[in-house]
Amino acid sequence: MSRWRFVDSGPLPGRLNMAIDEVLLRLHERGESPPTLRLYQWRPPAVSLGYFQRRHRLDHGACRRLGLEVVRRPTGGRAVLHLDDLTYSVVAGDPEELPASPAAAYRLLCEGLRAGLRLLGVEAEPGREALKPPQPEVCFLRQTAADIVHRGRKLVGSAQTWRGTSLLQHGSIVLKPQAQALSAVFGAEEQALEARLTSLSEILGRTVEAEEVGQAIREGLASLLGVSFEAGELSSEEWALARRIAAQEEVLPCPAKTTAASLSAVCR
């Protein structure tokens, strides 16, 4: 059984979170970092914009009132609110025999996430909507096979990009309702948002802690991927490089390789 590293980073600033994901991808491509599952949260909470997202109606005044940072991801897609969510990040690729097709990698990892959700008592399914222009600015208003929904309402949005044969896929698992905050930040109608997205606490009818969800996701991915996760930490080199990237004004460089599939998939 293949062994992967598992890192629980806890809550970190948005720029540092995105920089760490970039570093893990870079070093994995060079054979200097192991396949890694990382779980993390955001402190302060944040809105992450897709790398190619230039047009948005983000209300920066509302972001300041709510204490939200605004950062840019190394992947495409639309805006994601990181408030009361748990973010997962998988960096792996050809040496670990992950599918080389972006769509196939999405399907495999989303099956692992769904397996983890089942351990929590949540039966979820892939999104099935076709993307048609104009596309909404908020990630969780869109659904494709890259996403996970519960009774037609989106619960998990995932993002993906590649460097060579190395994959970064990360995504947001919503723990508590977000419609009110999303409405304030983007000016969207709160009722419309509630009809399109959901959270684990709403589905299960109780408070769900990040630690419980993280354990379930770890077990679900391990079973689907056929791997063993071993608890570890980021190396001193990974930390140092991530801090240097996070200090830059533009948080992340453009991905070295972006496929047509990764551009069209939701919330990469």
Protein backbone atom coordinates (compact mmCIF):
# COMPACT_ATOMS: atom_id res chain seq x y z
CA MET A 1 0.00 0.00 0.00
CA SER A 2 1.33 3.41 -1.00
CA ARG A 3 2.06 5.87 1.80
CA TRP A 4 1.09 9.52 1.52
CA ARG A 5 1.81 12.36 3.90
CA PHE A 6 -1.08 13.86 5.85
CA VAL A 7 -0.75 17.43 7.14
CA ASP A 8 -3.32 19.25 9.27
CA SER A 9 -2.28 22.89 9.01
CA GLY A 10 -5.13 24.30 11.08
CA PRO A 11 -6.20 27.92 10.45
CA LEU A 12 -3.74 30.13 8.54
CA PRO A 13 -3.93 33.42 6.59
CA GLY A 14 -5.25 33.04 3.05
CA ARG A 15 -2.07 34.07 1.26
CA LEU A 16 -0.05 31.55 3.21
CA ASN A 17 -2.60 28.80 2.56
CA MET A 18 -2.47 29.39 -1.18
CA ALA A 19 1.31 29.69 -1.15
CA ILE A 20 1.66 26.35 0.64
CA ASP A 21 -0.49 24.63 -1.97
CA GLU A 22 1.65 26.17 -4.71
CA VAL A 23 4.87 25.06 -3.02
CA LEU A 24 3.67 21.48 -2.55
CA LEU A 25 2.80 21.34 -6.25
CA ARG A 26 6.13 22.83 -7.38
CA LEU A 27 8.22 20.51 -5.24
CA HIS A 28 6.19 17.44 -6.10
CA GLU A 29 6.78 18.16 -9.79
CA ARG A 30 10.53 18.22 -9.06
CA GLY A 31 10.35 15.00 -7.05
CA GLU A 32 11.23 16.86 -3.85
CA SER A 33 7.91 16.61 -2.00
CA PRO A 34 5.81 13.49 -1.27
CA PRO A 35 2.17 13.02 -2.25
CA THR A 36 0.26 14.99 0.35
CA LEU A 37 -3.24 15.41 1.70
CA ARG A 38 -3.49 18.71 3.58
CA LEU A 39 -6.47 19.96 5.58
CA TYR A 40 -6.70 23.59 6.62
CA GLN A 41 -8.91 26.53 7.51
CA TRP A 42 -8.63 30.29 7.06
CA ARG A 43 -7.84 32.88 9.74
CA PRO A 44 -8.92 35.52 9.08
CA PRO A 45 -11.74 34.24 6.88
CA ALA A 46 -11.32 35.07 3.23
CA VAL A 47 -12.68 35.16 -0.29
CA SER A 48 -10.48 33.40 -2.82
CA LEU A 49 -10.77 34.47 -6.46
CA GLY A 50 -9.89 32.17 -9.33
CA TYR A 51 -6.56 32.93 -10.96
CA PHE A 52 -8.20 34.05 -14.20
CA GLN A 53 -11.17 35.81 -12.57
CA ARG A 54 -10.93 39.50 -13.37
CA ARG A 55 -14.59 40.52 -13.41
CA HIS A 56 -16.51 40.36 -10.14
CA ARG A 57 -18.90 42.43 -8.06
CA LEU A 58 -17.11 41.84 -4.79
CA ASP A 59 -18.10 44.46 -2.22
CA HIS A 60 -14.78 45.34 -0.60
CA GLY A 61 -16.54 47.44 2.05
CA ALA A 62 -18.58 44.42 3.11
CA CYS A 63 -15.41 42.33 3.15
CA ARG A 64 -13.80 44.81 5.53
CA ARG A 65 -16.87 44.84 7.79
CA LEU A 66 -16.88 41.06 7.93
CA GLY A 67 -13.11 40.87 8.41
CA LEU A 68 -12.54 39.00 5.14
CA GLU A 69 -9.26 38.97 3.27
CA VAL A 70 -9.30 38.71 -0.52
CA VAL A 71 -6.72 36.39 -2.09
CA ARG A 72 -6.15 34.78 -5.47
CA ARG A 73 -5.88 31.04 -5.99
CA PRO A 74 -3.32 29.32 -8.25
CA THR A 75 -6.30 27.80 -10.08
CA GLY A 76 -9.18 29.14 -12.16
CA GLY A 77 -12.88 29.21 -11.45
CA ARG A 78 -15.00 31.67 -9.52
CA ALA A 79 -15.03 33.20 -6.06
CA VAL A 80 -15.19 31.00 -2.96
CA LEU A 81 -16.05 32.21 0.55
CA HIS A 82 -13.86 30.58 3.20
CA LEU A 83 -15.95 31.18 6.29
CA ASP A 84 -16.90 28.21 8.46
CA ASP A 85 -15.56 25.75 5.92
CA LEU A 86 -12.85 23.08 5.83
CA THR A 87 -10.48 23.11 2.87
CA TYR A 88 -8.78 19.99 1.60
CA SER A 89 -5.76 19.92 -0.71
CA VAL A 90 -4.37 16.92 -2.60
CA VAL A 91 -0.99 17.07 -4.34
CA ALA A 92 -0.03 13.91 -6.20
CA GLY A 93 0.39 12.69 -9.75
CA ASP A 94 2.00 10.23 -12.09
CA PRO A 95 4.33 8.55 -9.55
CA GLU A 96 1.24 7.76 -7.46
CA GLU A 97 -0.66 6.52 -10.54
CA LEU A 98 -3.40 9.13 -10.39
CA PRO A 99 -5.33 9.50 -13.66
CA ALA A 100 -3.59 11.82 -16.10
CA SER A 101 -6.94 13.18 -17.31
CA PRO A 102 -8.24 16.16 -15.30
CA ALA A 103 -11.81 14.87 -15.55
CA ALA A 104 -10.82 11.37 -14.41
CA ALA A 105 -8.80 12.78 -11.50
CA TYR A 106 -11.80 14.88 -10.47
CA ARG A 107 -14.05 11.81 -10.53
CA LEU A 108 -11.66 9.70 -8.48
CA LEU A 109 -10.99 12.29 -5.78
CA CYS A 110 -14.64 13.33 -5.57
CA GLU A 111 -15.56 9.67 -5.05
CA GLY A 112 -13.13 9.64 -2.14
CA LEU A 113 -14.72 12.77 -0.71
CA ARG A 114 -18.18 11.25 -1.08
CA ALA A 115 -16.97 8.13 0.72
CA GLY A 116 -15.83 10.34 3.58
CA LEU A 117 -19.16 12.16 3.67
CA ARG A 118 -20.97 8.83 3.89
CA LEU A 119 -19.05 8.12 7.09
CA LEU A 120 -20.72 11.25 8.48
CA GLY A 121 -24.14 10.03 7.37
CA VAL A 122 -24.36 12.23 4.26
CA GLU A 123 -25.34 10.65 0.94
CA ALA A 124 -24.12 13.10 -1.71
CA GLU A 125 -23.77 12.97 -5.47
CA PRO A 126 -21.75 14.69 -8.21
CA GLY A 127 -23.14 17.87 -9.73
CA ARG A 128 -24.62 17.43 -13.20
CA GLU A 129 -25.32 20.89 -14.61
CA ALA A 130 -23.78 21.96 -17.91
CA LEU A 131 -21.97 25.31 -17.79
CA LYS A 132 -23.54 27.93 -20.01
CA PRO A 133 -22.54 31.59 -20.33
CA PRO A 134 -22.88 33.90 -18.60
CA GLN A 135 -21.46 32.06 -15.62
CA PRO A 136 -22.11 33.27 -12.06
CA GLU A 137 -19.34 34.96 -10.15
CA VAL A 138 -19.77 32.80 -7.05
CA CYS A 139 -18.40 29.26 -7.25
CA PHE A 140 -21.17 27.73 -5.18
CA LEU A 141 -23.82 28.90 -7.64
CA ARG A 142 -22.35 26.55 -10.25
CA GLN A 143 -22.48 22.75 -10.33
CA THR A 144 -20.58 20.29 -12.50
CA ALA A 145 -19.24 16.76 -12.10
CA ALA A 146 -16.28 18.34 -10.29
CA ASP A 147 -18.60 19.31 -7.45
CA ILE A 148 -20.55 17.46 -4.77
CA VAL A 149 -24.20 18.22 -4.09
CA HIS A 150 -26.84 17.06 -1.63
CA ARG A 151 -30.41 17.00 -2.92
CA GLY A 152 -29.52 19.48 -5.64
CA ARG A 153 -27.73 21.94 -3.35
CA LYS A 154 -23.97 22.34 -3.54
CA LEU A 155 -21.91 21.19 -0.56
CA VAL A 156 -18.34 20.85 -1.88
CA GLY A 157 -16.64 22.86 -4.65
CA SER A 158 -13.27 21.67 -5.93
CA ALA A 159 -10.43 23.27 -7.86
CA GLN A 160 -7.65 21.74 -9.94
CA THR A 161 -4.47 22.59 -11.85
CA TRP A 162 -1.42 20.70 -13.08
CA ARG A 163 2.34 21.14 -13.41
CA GLY A 164 3.64 18.50 -15.74
CA THR A 165 2.19 15.26 -14.39
CA SER A 166 1.71 16.68 -10.88
CA LEU A 167 -1.80 17.61 -9.75
CA LEU A 168 -3.06 20.11 -7.22
CA GLN A 169 -6.72 19.70 -6.34
CA HIS A 170 -8.19 21.67 -3.48
CA GLY A 171 -11.71 22.43 -2.43
CA SER A 172 -14.08 23.87 0.14
CA ILE A 173 -16.36 21.70 2.31
CA VAL A 174 -19.03 23.95 3.84
CA LEU A 175 -19.60 23.35 7.55
CA LYS A 176 -22.14 26.08 8.38
CA PRO A 177 -24.60 28.19 6.33
CA GLN A 178 -22.96 30.87 4.17
CA ALA A 179 -25.87 32.44 2.30
CA GLN A 180 -26.12 35.57 4.46
CA ALA A 181 -22.41 36.37 4.22
CA LEU A 182 -22.31 35.64 0.49
CA SER A 183 -25.27 37.93 -0.05
CA ALA A 184 -23.52 40.75 1.82
CA VAL A 185 -20.25 40.30 -0.07
CA PHE A 186 -21.62 39.85 -3.60
CA GLY A 187 -25.03 41.50 -3.43
CA ALA A 188 -26.76 38.29 -4.51
CA GLU A 189 -30.25 37.53 -3.24
CA GLU A 190 -30.00 35.53 -0.03
CA GLN A 191 -33.04 33.39 -0.82
CA ALA A 192 -31.57 32.40 -4.18
CA LEU A 193 -28.30 31.45 -2.51
CA GLU A 194 -30.08 29.32 0.09
CA ALA A 195 -31.81 27.42 -2.71
CA ARG A 196 -28.51 26.60 -4.38
CA LEU A 197 -26.09 25.75 -1.57
CA THR A 198 -26.07 23.86 1.70
CA SER A 199 -23.79 22.93 4.62
CA LEU A 200 -23.06 19.88 6.72
CA SER A 201 -24.72 21.40 9.79
CA GLU A 202 -27.93 21.95 7.82
CA ILE A 203 -27.91 18.43 6.41
CA LEU A 204 -27.13 16.70 9.73
CA GLY A 205 -29.13 19.05 11.95
CA ARG A 206 -26.24 19.59 14.36
CA THR A 207 -22.98 21.42 14.76
CA VAL A 208 -20.22 19.71 12.81
CA GLU A 209 -16.61 20.34 13.81
CA ALA A 210 -13.74 20.51 11.35
CA GLU A 211 -11.84 17.74 13.15
CA GLU A 212 -14.71 15.27 12.69
CA VAL A 213 -15.07 16.12 9.01
CA GLY A 214 -11.33 15.96 8.44
CA GLN A 215 -11.08 12.45 9.90
CA ALA A 216 -13.94 11.24 7.71
CA ILE A 217 -12.43 12.78 4.56
CA ARG A 218 -9.06 11.26 5.36
CA GLU A 219 -10.60 7.80 5.74
CA GLY A 220 -12.75 8.16 2.62
CA LEU A 221 -9.85 9.20 0.42
CA ALA A 222 -7.61 6.47 1.86
CA SER A 223 -10.17 3.79 1.01
CA LEU A 224 -10.80 5.03 -2.56
CA LEU A 225 -7.15 5.70 -3.39
CA GLY A 226 -5.83 2.57 -1.69
CA VAL A 227 -3.25 4.55 0.26
CA SER A 228 -2.15 4.94 3.86
CA PHE A 229 -1.93 8.48 5.24
CA GLU A 230 0.90 9.09 7.69
CA ALA A 231 0.75 12.20 9.84
CA GLY A 232 3.57 14.60 9.06
CA GLU A 233 4.60 18.23 8.91
CA LEU A 234 5.75 20.65 6.25
CA SER A 235 9.52 20.70 5.88
CA SER A 236 11.59 23.78 6.70
CA GLU A 237 12.17 24.26 2.95
CA GLU A 238 8.44 24.11 2.22
CA TRP A 239 7.68 26.64 4.97
CA ALA A 240 10.42 29.03 3.85
CA LEU A 241 9.38 28.99 0.20
CA ALA A 242 5.70 29.37 1.09
CA ARG A 243 6.41 32.41 3.26
CA ARG A 244 8.41 34.03 0.45
CA ILE A 245 5.58 33.49 -2.04
CA ALA A 246 2.95 34.72 0.42
CA ALA A 247 4.89 37.96 0.89
CA GLN A 248 4.57 38.81 -2.80
CA GLU A 249 1.93 41.31 -3.87
CA GLU A 250 0.54 38.88 -6.43
CA VAL A 251 0.26 35.76 -4.34
CA LEU A 252 0.86 33.13 -6.98
CA PRO A 253 2.37 32.81 -10.44
CA CYS A 254 0.33 31.62 -13.40
CA PRO A 255 0.22 27.81 -13.51
CA ALA A 256 2.85 26.39 -15.83
CA LYS A 257 0.30 24.17 -17.54
CA THR A 258 -3.44 24.65 -17.78
CA THR A 259 -5.55 22.30 -19.84
CA ALA A 260 -8.79 23.19 -21.58
CA ALA A 261 -10.57 20.82 -19.21
CA SER A 262 -9.14 22.52 -16.14
CA LEU A 263 -10.19 25.92 -17.44
CA SER A 264 -13.78 24.83 -17.98
CA ALA A 265 -14.17 22.88 -14.76
CA VAL A 266 -15.78 24.61 -11.85
CA CYS A 267 -13.75 26.25 -9.09
CA ARG A 268 -10.35 24.96 -9.98
